[in-house]
Protein backbone atom coordinates (compact mmCIF):
# COMPACT_ATOMS: atom_id res chain seq x y z
CA MET A 1 -58.49 11.83 -25.00
CA THR A 2 -54.69 11.60 -24.68
CA THR A 3 -53.38 8.58 -22.82
CA PRO A 4 -51.21 9.70 -19.89
CA ILE A 5 -47.55 8.71 -20.02
CA VAL A 6 -46.74 5.98 -17.51
CA ILE A 7 -43.22 5.91 -16.10
CA THR A 8 -42.35 2.27 -15.43
CA ARG A 9 -39.97 1.53 -12.60
CA PRO A 10 -36.80 -0.24 -13.85
CA ASN A 11 -36.70 -4.01 -13.67
CA LYS A 12 -35.95 -5.13 -10.11
CA SER A 13 -35.21 -8.72 -11.06
CA VAL A 14 -31.49 -7.94 -11.02
CA ILE A 15 -31.53 -8.30 -7.23
CA LEU A 16 -30.89 -11.87 -6.17
CA THR A 17 -31.67 -12.79 -2.59
CA SER A 18 -30.36 -15.79 -0.70
CA ASN A 19 -31.92 -16.70 2.63
CA ASN A 20 -29.09 -19.00 3.72
CA ASN A 21 -27.67 -17.83 7.05
CA ASN A 22 -29.82 -14.71 6.71
CA THR A 23 -27.25 -13.33 4.31
CA GLN A 24 -28.39 -11.25 1.40
CA LYS A 25 -26.27 -11.35 -1.71
CA VAL A 26 -26.90 -8.92 -4.54
CA LEU A 27 -25.24 -9.10 -7.94
CA PRO A 28 -25.93 -6.90 -10.98
CA PRO A 29 -26.69 -8.55 -14.31
CA PRO A 30 -23.71 -9.18 -16.58
CA PRO A 31 -23.15 -6.41 -19.14
CA GLN A 32 -22.39 -7.53 -22.69
CA ASN A 33 -18.67 -8.19 -23.22
CA ASN A 34 -17.82 -6.46 -19.95
CA ALA A 35 -14.69 -7.85 -18.31
CA ALA A 36 -15.62 -6.05 -15.11
CA TYR A 37 -18.45 -8.50 -14.58
CA THR A 38 -16.09 -11.46 -14.89
CA SER A 39 -14.48 -10.41 -11.67
CA SER A 40 -17.65 -9.02 -10.11
CA ILE A 41 -18.72 -12.55 -9.18
CA LEU A 42 -16.07 -12.34 -6.48
CA LEU A 43 -16.72 -8.77 -5.46
CA ASN A 44 -19.55 -9.27 -3.02
CA GLN A 45 -18.66 -12.65 -1.60
CA ALA A 46 -19.58 -12.71 2.06
CA LEU A 47 -16.97 -14.19 4.36
CA SER A 48 -17.76 -17.80 5.17
CA PRO A 49 -18.64 -18.50 8.82
CA ASN A 50 -16.10 -21.35 8.75
CA SER A 51 -13.27 -19.10 7.60
CA PRO A 52 -10.24 -18.97 9.91
CA PRO A 53 -10.05 -15.98 12.25
CA MET A 54 -8.44 -12.90 10.77
CA SER A 55 -4.89 -12.15 11.82
CA PRO A 56 -4.40 -8.71 13.38
CA ASN A 57 -1.67 -8.12 10.77
CA VAL A 58 -4.09 -8.73 7.88
CA LEU A 59 -6.02 -5.68 6.70
CA VAL A 60 -9.73 -5.73 5.91
CA PRO A 61 -11.11 -2.87 3.76
CA ARG A 62 -14.21 -0.90 4.65
CA ALA A 63 -17.25 -0.49 2.40
CA PRO A 64 -17.04 2.18 -0.33
CA VAL A 65 -18.94 5.48 -0.14
CA VAL A 66 -20.70 6.93 -3.21
CA HIS A 67 -21.66 10.58 -3.63
CA PHE A 68 -24.70 10.67 -5.94
CA PHE A 69 -25.29 14.13 -7.45
CA ILE A 70 -28.83 14.25 -8.87
CA CYS A 71 -29.84 17.04 -11.26
CA ASP A 72 -33.35 17.58 -12.67
CA TYR A 73 -34.86 15.57 -9.84
CA GLY A 74 -38.25 16.96 -10.81
CA ASN A 75 -38.04 14.89 -14.01
CA ALA A 76 -39.98 11.64 -13.56
CA LYS A 77 -37.47 9.47 -15.39
CA VAL A 78 -34.53 10.96 -13.49
CA LYS A 79 -36.31 10.21 -10.23
CA SER A 80 -37.11 6.65 -11.30
CA ILE A 81 -33.57 5.78 -12.40
CA SER A 82 -32.06 7.56 -9.39
CA ASP A 83 -34.19 5.59 -6.95
CA HIS A 84 -33.30 2.35 -8.73
CA PHE A 85 -29.59 3.18 -8.68
CA ILE A 86 -29.66 4.01 -4.98
CA ASP A 87 -31.46 0.74 -4.24
CA LEU A 88 -28.82 -1.20 -6.18
CA LEU A 89 -25.95 0.50 -4.40
CA VAL A 90 -27.37 0.00 -0.92
CA SER A 91 -28.37 -3.60 -1.67
CA ASN A 92 -24.78 -4.31 -2.71
CA GLY A 93 -23.32 -3.09 0.57
CA ILE A 94 -22.37 0.41 -0.61
CA LYS A 95 -22.97 3.53 1.47
CA VAL A 96 -24.64 6.37 -0.48
CA PHE A 97 -24.78 10.12 0.10
CA THR A 98 -27.29 11.87 -2.17
CA GLU A 99 -27.38 15.50 -3.24
CA ARG A 100 -30.59 16.43 -5.07
CA TYR A 101 -31.39 19.45 -7.25
CA ALA A 102 -34.79 20.02 -8.83
CA THR A 103 -33.26 21.81 -11.85
CA HIS A 104 -30.27 21.34 -14.11
CA GLN A 105 -26.82 22.28 -12.77
CA ALA A 106 -24.01 23.70 -14.88
CA GLY A 107 -21.24 21.33 -15.93
CA PHE A 108 -18.48 23.29 -14.18
CA GLN A 109 -20.44 23.12 -10.91
CA VAL A 110 -20.77 19.34 -11.18
CA ARG A 111 -17.08 18.97 -11.99
CA ALA A 112 -16.12 21.15 -9.02
CA ALA A 113 -18.38 19.11 -6.75
CA SER A 114 -16.76 15.88 -7.96
CA LEU A 115 -13.26 17.18 -7.24
CA ASN A 116 -14.22 18.43 -3.78
CA SER A 117 -16.28 15.42 -2.72
CA ASN A 118 -15.26 13.47 0.40
CA ALA A 119 -16.69 10.24 -1.00
CA ASP A 120 -14.73 7.46 -2.68
CA PHE A 121 -16.81 7.68 -5.89
CA PHE A 122 -18.85 10.47 -7.47
CA PHE A 123 -21.83 9.82 -9.75
CA GLN A 124 -24.12 12.29 -11.48
CA ILE A 125 -27.41 12.01 -13.36
CA HIS A 126 -29.50 14.55 -15.26
CA SER A 127 -32.37 14.48 -17.73
CA LYS A 128 -30.24 13.77 -20.83
CA THR A 129 -28.31 10.84 -19.36
CA ALA A 130 -31.47 9.48 -17.77
CA GLY A 131 -33.11 9.36 -21.18
CA ARG A 132 -30.84 6.43 -22.03
CA GLY A 133 -30.82 4.96 -18.55
CA HIS A 134 -27.27 6.11 -17.83
CA VAL A 135 -25.42 7.76 -14.96
CA ARG A 136 -21.97 9.36 -15.11
CA LEU A 137 -18.99 8.31 -13.01
CA TYR A 138 -16.41 11.08 -12.46
CA PHE A 139 -12.71 10.23 -12.21
CA GLY A 140 -10.34 13.16 -11.85
CA GLY A 141 -13.07 15.54 -12.94
CA GLN A 142 -13.74 13.61 -16.16
CA PRO A 143 -17.14 11.88 -16.65
CA LYS A 144 -17.67 8.38 -17.95
CA ARG A 145 -21.19 7.35 -18.95
CA MET A 146 -22.50 3.88 -18.07
CA THR A 147 -25.63 2.01 -17.03
CA VAL A 148 -26.56 1.69 -13.38
CA GLU A 149 -25.73 -2.03 -13.42
CA GLU A 150 -22.30 -1.37 -14.92
CA SER A 151 -21.79 1.34 -12.32
CA VAL A 152 -22.21 -1.08 -9.42
CA CYS A 153 -19.67 -3.41 -11.05
CA ASP A 154 -17.24 -0.53 -11.57
CA VAL A 155 -17.54 0.66 -7.98
CA TRP A 156 -16.62 -2.72 -6.56
CA SER A 157 -13.98 -3.43 -9.20
CA TRP A 158 -12.18 -0.12 -8.64
CA TRP A 159 -12.68 -0.20 -4.89
CA ARG A 160 -11.03 -3.60 -4.52
CA LEU A 161 -8.11 -2.32 -6.57
CA MET A 162 -7.84 0.89 -4.55
CA CYS A 163 -7.64 -1.19 -1.38
CA GLY A 164 -5.32 -3.79 -2.95
CA SER A 165 -7.76 -6.64 -2.40
CA ILE A 166 -7.42 -8.37 -5.79
CA SER A 167 -7.91 -12.11 -6.20
CA ASN A 168 -5.88 -14.34 -8.49
CA THR A 169 -8.73 -14.45 -11.03
CA GLU A 170 -9.05 -10.67 -11.04
CA SER A 171 -5.30 -10.18 -11.47
CA GLU A 172 -5.40 -12.23 -14.67
CA VAL A 173 -7.94 -9.87 -16.31
CA LEU A 174 -6.63 -6.60 -14.89
CA SER A 175 -6.67 -3.89 -17.56
CA SER A 176 -3.60 -1.80 -18.38
CA GLU A 177 -5.37 1.27 -16.97
CA LYS A 178 -5.86 -0.40 -13.60
CA LEU A 179 -2.36 -1.86 -13.62
CA LYS A 180 -0.87 1.60 -14.15
CA TYR A 181 -3.06 2.89 -11.31
CA ALA A 182 -1.85 0.13 -8.96
CA LEU A 183 1.80 0.80 -9.81
CA LYS A 184 1.34 4.50 -9.10
CA VAL A 185 -0.50 3.97 -5.81
CA PHE A 186 1.48 1.08 -4.34
CA ALA A 187 4.93 1.53 -5.96
CA ASN A 188 4.93 5.27 -6.74
CA ILE A 189 5.93 4.43 -10.31
CA ASP A 190 4.63 6.53 -13.20
CA SER A 191 3.69 4.75 -16.39
CA ASP A 192 6.33 6.64 -18.40
CA ILE A 193 9.07 5.02 -16.27
CA LEU A 194 7.84 1.57 -17.27
CA ASN A 195 7.64 2.50 -20.94
CA ILE A 196 11.32 2.44 -21.90
CA ASP A 197 10.71 2.53 -25.66
CA ALA A 198 11.77 6.18 -25.90
CA LEU A 199 14.94 5.55 -23.89
CA GLN A 200 15.76 2.49 -25.96
CA ALA A 201 15.29 4.44 -29.21
CA GLU A 202 17.56 7.22 -27.92
CA ILE A 203 20.30 4.74 -27.03
CA ARG A 204 19.96 3.00 -30.37
CA ALA A 205 20.34 6.29 -32.25
CA ALA A 206 23.38 7.15 -30.12
CA VAL A 207 24.99 3.79 -30.93
CA ASP A 208 24.42 4.35 -34.64
CA ASN A 209 25.96 7.84 -34.40
CA HIS A 210 28.86 6.73 -32.16
CA SER A 211 27.90 9.42 -29.63
CA ILE A 212 26.72 7.70 -26.45
CA SER A 213 27.20 10.23 -23.66
CA SER A 214 27.34 9.93 -19.89
CA GLU A 215 23.90 11.55 -19.67
CA LEU A 216 22.31 8.47 -21.22
CA LEU A 217 23.94 6.28 -18.60
CA GLN A 218 22.58 8.52 -15.86
CA SER A 219 19.08 8.25 -17.34
CA VAL A 220 19.26 4.46 -17.27
CA LEU A 221 20.63 4.38 -13.71
CA SER A 222 17.97 6.84 -12.54
CA ALA A 223 15.21 4.63 -13.96
CA GLN A 224 16.75 1.60 -12.25
CA THR A 225 16.79 3.45 -8.93
CA MET A 226 13.09 4.31 -9.25
CA ILE A 227 12.23 0.70 -10.06
CA ASN A 228 14.22 -0.54 -7.04
CA GLU A 229 12.52 1.98 -4.75
CA GLY A 230 9.11 0.98 -6.11
CA ARG A 231 9.92 -2.67 -5.51
CA GLY A 232 10.79 -1.88 -1.92
CA LEU A 233 7.47 -0.08 -1.44
CA VAL A 234 5.56 -3.07 -2.81
CA GLN A 235 7.44 -5.48 -0.55
CA ALA A 236 6.71 -3.29 2.48
CA GLN A 237 2.93 -3.22 1.93
CA LYS A 238 0.82 -4.96 4.55
CA VAL A 239 -1.22 -8.01 3.63
CA MET A 240 -4.76 -7.30 2.43
CA ARG A 241 -7.43 -9.94 2.73
CA ILE A 242 -9.34 -10.83 -0.44
CA GLU A 243 -12.60 -11.57 1.41
CA TRP A 244 -14.12 -9.64 4.26
CA SER A 245 -17.27 -9.63 6.38
CA ARG A 246 -20.20 -8.21 4.50
CA GLU A 247 -21.51 -4.86 5.72
CA PRO A 248 -25.02 -3.64 4.93
CA GLY A 249 -25.32 -0.58 2.72
CA ALA A 250 -26.86 2.61 4.04
CA LEU A 251 -28.07 6.07 3.08
CA LEU A 252 -25.87 8.77 4.63
CA THR A 253 -27.13 12.16 5.78
CA ARG A 254 -23.66 13.69 5.45
CA CYS A 255 -20.43 12.74 3.75
CA VAL A 256 -17.31 12.70 5.91
CA GLN A 257 -13.91 11.91 4.45
CA MET A 258 -12.50 8.57 5.59
CA PRO A 259 -9.05 7.21 4.79
CA VAL A 260 -8.71 4.31 2.38
CA ILE A 261 -7.29 1.19 4.04
CA ARG A 262 -4.61 0.03 1.62
CA GLY A 263 -2.60 -3.15 1.45
CA LEU A 264 -1.72 -5.80 -1.08
CA SER A 265 -3.20 -9.22 -1.55
CA GLN A 266 -0.64 -11.83 -2.55
CA PRO A 267 -1.89 -12.13 -6.18
CA LEU A 268 -1.65 -8.37 -6.72
CA LYS A 269 1.75 -8.17 -5.04
CA ASP A 270 3.10 -10.96 -7.28
CA LEU A 271 1.76 -9.19 -10.37
CA LEU A 272 3.34 -5.83 -9.49
CA LEU A 273 6.69 -7.41 -8.63
CA SER A 274 6.66 -9.31 -11.92
CA VAL A 275 6.13 -6.11 -13.91
CA LEU A 276 8.87 -4.28 -12.01
CA ASP A 277 11.34 -7.16 -12.37
CA GLN A 278 10.79 -7.39 -16.12
CA THR A 279 11.33 -3.66 -16.53
CA PHE A 280 14.48 -3.76 -14.39
CA SER A 281 15.88 -6.62 -16.49
CA LYS A 282 15.41 -4.58 -19.67
CA LEU A 283 17.10 -1.58 -18.07
CA GLN A 284 20.09 -3.73 -17.10
CA ARG A 285 20.55 -4.75 -20.73
CA LEU A 286 20.44 -1.12 -21.80
CA GLU A 287 22.96 -0.24 -19.10
CA ASN A 288 25.38 -2.89 -20.39
CA ILE A 289 25.13 -1.45 -23.91
CA VAL A 290 25.68 2.12 -22.73
CA ARG A 291 28.69 1.17 -20.57
CA LYS A 292 30.27 -0.76 -23.44
CA TYR A 293 29.95 1.92 -26.10
CA ARG A 294 29.73 5.24 -24.30
CA VAL A 295 32.24 8.05 -24.85
CA SER A 296 33.09 10.74 -22.33
CA THR A 297 33.12 13.58 -24.87
CA PRO A 298 32.07 13.82 -28.53
CA PRO A 299 34.97 13.18 -30.95
CA PRO A 300 36.60 16.41 -32.25
CA PRO A 301 36.26 17.26 -35.94
CA GLU A 302 39.11 16.07 -38.15
CA PRO A 303 41.58 18.78 -39.18
CA THR A 304 41.83 19.70 -42.86
CA LEU A 305 44.45 21.66 -44.80
CA PRO A 306 43.08 24.80 -46.48
CA VAL A 307 43.46 24.96 -50.24
CA ASP A 308 43.08 27.83 -52.64
CA SER A 309 40.90 26.10 -55.16
CA GLY A 310 39.39 22.81 -56.10
CA PRO A 311 36.43 20.85 -54.77
CA GLU A 312 36.63 19.25 -51.34
CA VAL A 313 37.06 15.52 -51.48
CA GLU A 314 34.54 13.69 -49.28
CA ILE A 315 35.34 10.17 -48.23
CA PRO A 316 32.08 8.18 -48.02
CA ILE A 317 31.64 6.25 -44.80
CA ASP A 318 28.91 3.65 -44.51
CA GLY A 319 27.20 4.20 -41.15
CA GLN A 320 25.51 0.81 -41.24
CA GLN A 321 28.42 -1.47 -40.53
CA PRO A 322 28.11 -5.20 -41.21
CA GLY A 323 27.62 -7.32 -38.15
CA LEU A 324 26.00 -4.57 -36.05
CA SER A 325 22.32 -4.93 -35.20
CA TRP A 326 20.25 -3.58 -32.32
CA GLY A 327 18.77 -6.96 -31.60
CA ALA A 328 22.24 -8.44 -31.29
CA LEU A 329 23.23 -5.67 -28.89
CA LEU A 330 20.28 -6.36 -26.63
CA GLU A 331 20.69 -10.13 -26.68
CA SER A 332 24.50 -10.33 -26.64
CA VAL A 333 25.72 -7.35 -24.64
CA LYS A 334 28.40 -9.51 -23.03
CA ASP A 335 30.26 -10.11 -26.35
CA GLU A 336 33.64 -8.47 -26.44
CA SER A 337 33.36 -6.51 -29.69
CA TYR A 338 31.14 -5.56 -32.59
CA GLY A 339 31.85 -3.89 -35.91
CA MET A 340 34.84 -3.83 -38.20
CA ASN A 341 38.58 -3.78 -37.59
CA HIS A 342 40.61 -0.59 -38.00
CA ILE A 343 40.58 0.45 -41.65
CA THR A 344 42.81 3.24 -42.95
CA SER A 345 41.39 5.28 -45.83
CA TYR A 346 43.51 7.72 -47.85
CA GLY A 347 40.98 8.87 -50.40
CA ASP A 348 41.57 9.08 -54.13
CA MET A 349 45.23 10.03 -54.71
CA ASN A 350 44.63 10.76 -58.42
CA GLN A 351 42.12 13.57 -57.83
CA GLN A 352 43.19 17.13 -57.17
CA GLY A 353 41.78 18.58 -53.98
CA SER A 354 42.29 18.90 -50.24
CA PHE A 355 44.31 16.44 -48.24
CA ARG A 356 42.79 14.66 -45.19
CA GLN A 357 44.47 12.80 -42.40
CA PRO A 358 43.88 9.03 -42.35
CA PHE A 359 40.34 8.26 -41.08
CA LEU A 360 39.88 5.55 -38.49
CA ILE A 361 36.62 3.66 -38.07
CA ASP A 362 36.82 2.78 -34.40
CA GLU A 363 35.34 -0.30 -32.88
CA PHE A 364 32.04 0.11 -31.05
């Protein structure tokens, strides 16, 4: 006789309950080497009863809403993991809207549902992901697979960033992905504006070729303007409180779009301003270099006298002049001059060939 397969409910020991002040506090177990959990200790901190009253000018974010899209709900393991995930979300103060399908749904349908969802986060599960105990978080239509415990951490970690409620400890471990997101949301600065490596390489090549144009100066000034505007947006953000009163989670019968309450906690504001100030300082150095060595128009070609016969005499010019280095330009843009003095070259007078006018190596 074949032994029936028993589907064991996932371990519920991850829920920690505190009876002090009738406040329930739920924290997921720490994933291995997951920086998100480092900050998750602060994510669900209930506001202390002895905390000072909130100022009307200080913003307090609402609880996040999760849209949970369940496929293959007739599968026993899918049902088990789904129920466990919903329990974890609700226990951690998250509101959940569920959409269940007994059979598998096509990938394009799931992606379309994620893009059209009114919730703050969109998760999906089906029989294949459930086999490994995973769910999938969709960002911008792209799925990311993770465990249910990691998912709860990610929801709170991203939600606090979306609202701007980042503590000093969290700001110290903020990933580059989340930092770029914060700069885009709160300063309207794209990541390519902050990455000035391409602009710096273009200016360096122009200096080497003695062909710095006015267009390069406009590119630098345009980037500086964007940084200044972004800095103004960050300064104008309202204050966001790091802690807020704990709200109980709930199961929703329908999902209605709600605006995200955004502001900036002081640690996050300081971090964003620091990044913008550093970038602006680098752009100022590049501006000084461009202003010092730019030319309004490219130099015209040197005239030559036509000859009937004989090879053309080329005068070798060393493009790498002594004393000129890119590092020196960046660090010492206030120096008065770089390069060599005027040198007149007449070529080889003993060789038959064309005659060239004296060539001047101008100062940079």
